[in-house]
Amino acid sequence: MPKLYIEERYCKGCGICIEFCPAKVLKQSKKMNSRGYFPPESGEMQKCKKCGMCSLLCPDFAIVVSD
């Protein structure tokens, strides 16, 4: 199963990764990060297609997908 690493301290909560995830694995967290934003969190990782779209589109380079 793929692993999703979200560096919360870099995330500004823009939601681009959530919007463009083809498998709809990501959702907005209810927990605020240290900068006052709500970063994404992974839901059902078994649905993840490892396409890397979230990582590619993240303007803050806050997401990495790996095996």
N, C-alpha and C. Protein backbone atom coordinates (compact mmCIF):
# COMPACT_ATOMS: atom_id res chain seq x y z
N MET A 1 0.85 -1.18 0.00
CA MET A 1 0.00 0.00 0.00
C MET A 1 0.90 1.25 0.00
N PRO A 2 0.56 2.24 -0.80
CA PRO A 2 1.37 3.47 -0.84
C PRO A 2 1.29 4.24 0.47
N LYS A 3 2.31 5.04 0.70
CA LYS A 3 2.32 5.89 1.90
C LYS A 3 2.32 7.34 1.45
N LEU A 4 1.62 8.15 2.21
CA LEU A 4 1.51 9.56 1.91
C LEU A 4 2.11 10.34 3.07
N TYR A 5 3.11 11.14 2.77
CA TYR A 5 3.75 11.96 3.79
C TYR A 5 3.34 13.41 3.56
N ILE A 6 2.74 14.01 4.56
CA ILE A 6 2.31 15.39 4.49
C ILE A 6 3.10 16.19 5.51
N GLU A 7 3.90 17.12 5.03
CA GLU A 7 4.70 17.97 5.91
C GLU A 7 3.81 19.15 6.30
N GLU A 8 3.12 19.00 7.42
CA GLU A 8 2.11 19.97 7.84
C GLU A 8 2.65 21.38 8.03
N ARG A 9 3.89 21.50 8.43
CA ARG A 9 4.42 22.84 8.69
C ARG A 9 4.61 23.65 7.41
N TYR A 10 4.65 22.98 6.25
CA TYR A 10 4.77 23.69 4.98
C TYR A 10 3.42 23.97 4.33
N CYS A 11 2.41 23.24 4.72
CA CYS A 11 1.09 23.34 4.09
C CYS A 11 0.38 24.63 4.46
N LYS A 12 -0.24 25.25 3.44
CA LYS A 12 -1.03 26.45 3.70
C LYS A 12 -2.52 26.20 3.51
N GLY A 13 -2.90 24.93 3.40
CA GLY A 13 -4.31 24.56 3.35
C GLY A 13 -5.06 25.01 2.12
N CYS A 14 -4.40 25.10 0.98
CA CYS A 14 -5.05 25.59 -0.24
C CYS A 14 -6.10 24.63 -0.79
N GLY A 15 -5.94 23.33 -0.53
CA GLY A 15 -6.92 22.34 -0.96
C GLY A 15 -6.75 21.84 -2.39
N ILE A 16 -5.70 22.26 -3.07
CA ILE A 16 -5.47 21.81 -4.45
C ILE A 16 -5.32 20.30 -4.50
N CYS A 17 -4.57 19.74 -3.57
CA CYS A 17 -4.35 18.29 -3.55
C CYS A 17 -5.66 17.54 -3.34
N ILE A 18 -6.52 18.07 -2.50
CA ILE A 18 -7.81 17.44 -2.22
C ILE A 18 -8.70 17.48 -3.47
N GLU A 19 -8.72 18.62 -4.11
CA GLU A 19 -9.58 18.83 -5.29
C GLU A 19 -9.18 17.95 -6.46
N PHE A 20 -7.87 17.77 -6.69
CA PHE A 20 -7.42 17.08 -7.90
C PHE A 20 -7.01 15.63 -7.69
N CYS A 21 -7.18 15.09 -6.50
CA CYS A 21 -6.89 13.67 -6.28
C CYS A 21 -7.93 12.84 -7.03
N PRO A 22 -7.51 12.06 -8.03
CA PRO A 22 -8.49 11.28 -8.80
C PRO A 22 -9.19 10.20 -7.98
N ALA A 23 -8.53 9.70 -6.95
CA ALA A 23 -9.13 8.65 -6.12
C ALA A 23 -9.87 9.21 -4.91
N LYS A 24 -9.81 10.52 -4.71
CA LYS A 24 -10.47 11.19 -3.57
C LYS A 24 -10.03 10.60 -2.24
N VAL A 25 -8.73 10.41 -2.10
CA VAL A 25 -8.14 9.84 -0.89
C VAL A 25 -7.96 10.91 0.19
N LEU A 26 -7.71 12.14 -0.22
CA LEU A 26 -7.42 13.21 0.73
C LEU A 26 -8.68 13.95 1.18
N LYS A 27 -8.63 14.41 2.42
CA LYS A 27 -9.71 15.25 2.95
C LYS A 27 -9.09 16.31 3.85
N GLN A 28 -9.82 17.37 4.10
CA GLN A 28 -9.29 18.43 4.94
C GLN A 28 -9.33 18.00 6.41
N SER A 29 -8.23 18.23 7.08
CA SER A 29 -8.13 17.88 8.49
C SER A 29 -8.93 18.85 9.35
N LYS A 30 -9.35 18.41 10.48
CA LYS A 30 -10.02 19.28 11.44
C LYS A 30 -9.00 19.89 12.41
N LYS A 31 -7.75 19.40 12.31
CA LYS A 31 -6.67 19.86 13.17
C LYS A 31 -5.87 20.96 12.46
N MET A 32 -5.68 22.06 13.13
CA MET A 32 -4.95 23.19 12.57
C MET A 32 -3.44 22.98 12.73
N ASN A 33 -2.67 23.37 11.72
CA ASN A 33 -1.22 23.26 11.85
C ASN A 33 -0.65 24.48 12.58
N SER A 34 0.65 24.53 12.74
CA SER A 34 1.28 25.60 13.52
C SER A 34 1.16 26.97 12.87
N ARG A 35 0.85 27.01 11.58
CA ARG A 35 0.70 28.28 10.87
C ARG A 35 -0.76 28.74 10.81
N GLY A 36 -1.67 27.95 11.35
CA GLY A 36 -3.08 28.33 11.38
C GLY A 36 -3.89 27.84 10.20
N TYR A 37 -3.38 26.85 9.47
CA TYR A 37 -4.08 26.29 8.32
C TYR A 37 -4.54 24.87 8.63
N PHE A 38 -5.49 24.39 7.85
CA PHE A 38 -5.99 23.03 7.98
C PHE A 38 -5.43 22.19 6.83
N PRO A 39 -4.37 21.43 7.09
CA PRO A 39 -3.74 20.63 6.04
C PRO A 39 -4.61 19.42 5.67
N PRO A 40 -4.30 18.78 4.55
CA PRO A 40 -5.04 17.57 4.19
C PRO A 40 -4.61 16.41 5.07
N GLU A 41 -5.43 15.40 5.09
CA GLU A 41 -5.06 14.14 5.74
C GLU A 41 -5.52 13.02 4.84
N SER A 42 -4.86 11.90 4.93
CA SER A 42 -5.21 10.77 4.09
C SER A 42 -6.35 9.99 4.71
N GLY A 43 -7.21 9.54 3.86
CA GLY A 43 -8.35 8.74 4.32
C GLY A 43 -8.10 7.28 4.04
N GLU A 44 -8.66 6.80 2.94
CA GLU A 44 -8.57 5.40 2.58
C GLU A 44 -7.41 5.18 1.60
N MET A 45 -6.24 4.92 2.13
CA MET A 45 -5.04 4.80 1.30
C MET A 45 -5.08 3.60 0.36
N GLN A 46 -5.92 2.61 0.63
CA GLN A 46 -6.02 1.48 -0.28
C GLN A 46 -6.60 1.90 -1.63
N LYS A 47 -7.27 3.06 -1.69
CA LYS A 47 -7.80 3.58 -2.94
C LYS A 47 -6.77 4.38 -3.73
N CYS A 48 -5.66 4.73 -3.10
CA CYS A 48 -4.63 5.56 -3.73
C CYS A 48 -4.05 4.86 -4.95
N LYS A 49 -3.95 5.59 -6.06
CA LYS A 49 -3.43 5.03 -7.31
C LYS A 49 -1.94 5.34 -7.51
N LYS A 50 -1.32 6.00 -6.55
CA LYS A 50 0.09 6.38 -6.62
C LYS A 50 0.40 7.22 -7.86
N CYS A 51 -0.54 8.04 -8.27
CA CYS A 51 -0.33 8.86 -9.47
C CYS A 51 0.59 10.04 -9.18
N GLY A 52 0.67 10.46 -7.92
CA GLY A 52 1.53 11.58 -7.55
C GLY A 52 0.95 12.94 -7.88
N MET A 53 -0.31 13.00 -8.27
CA MET A 53 -0.94 14.27 -8.63
C MET A 53 -0.90 15.25 -7.46
N CYS A 54 -1.14 14.77 -6.25
CA CYS A 54 -1.13 15.64 -5.07
C CYS A 54 0.25 16.26 -4.87
N SER A 55 1.27 15.45 -5.03
CA SER A 55 2.64 15.91 -4.86
C SER A 55 3.03 16.88 -5.97
N LEU A 56 2.63 16.57 -7.18
CA LEU A 56 2.96 17.38 -8.34
C LEU A 56 2.32 18.77 -8.28
N LEU A 57 1.08 18.84 -7.82
CA LEU A 57 0.34 20.09 -7.83
C LEU A 57 0.51 20.94 -6.57
N CYS A 58 1.09 20.37 -5.53
CA CYS A 58 1.25 21.11 -4.27
C CYS A 58 2.21 22.29 -4.45
N PRO A 59 1.74 23.53 -4.30
CA PRO A 59 2.61 24.68 -4.50
C PRO A 59 3.66 24.85 -3.39
N ASP A 60 3.48 24.15 -2.28
CA ASP A 60 4.40 24.27 -1.15
C ASP A 60 5.30 23.06 -0.99
N PHE A 61 5.21 22.09 -1.91
CA PHE A 61 6.01 20.86 -1.85
C PHE A 61 5.86 20.18 -0.49
N ALA A 62 4.63 20.11 -0.02
CA ALA A 62 4.35 19.56 1.31
C ALA A 62 3.89 18.11 1.29
N ILE A 63 3.78 17.48 0.11
CA ILE A 63 3.28 16.12 0.02
C ILE A 63 4.24 15.26 -0.79
N VAL A 64 4.48 14.04 -0.29
CA VAL A 64 5.30 13.04 -0.98
C VAL A 64 4.56 11.73 -0.93
N VAL A 65 4.47 11.05 -2.08
CA VAL A 65 3.86 9.73 -2.16
C VAL A 65 4.97 8.72 -2.40
N SER A 66 4.97 7.65 -1.62
CA SER A 66 6.00 6.62 -1.81
C SER A 66 5.39 5.24 -1.59
N ASP A 67 6.16 4.21 -1.92
CA ASP A 67 5.70 2.82 -1.75
C ASP A 67 5.86 2.38 -0.34
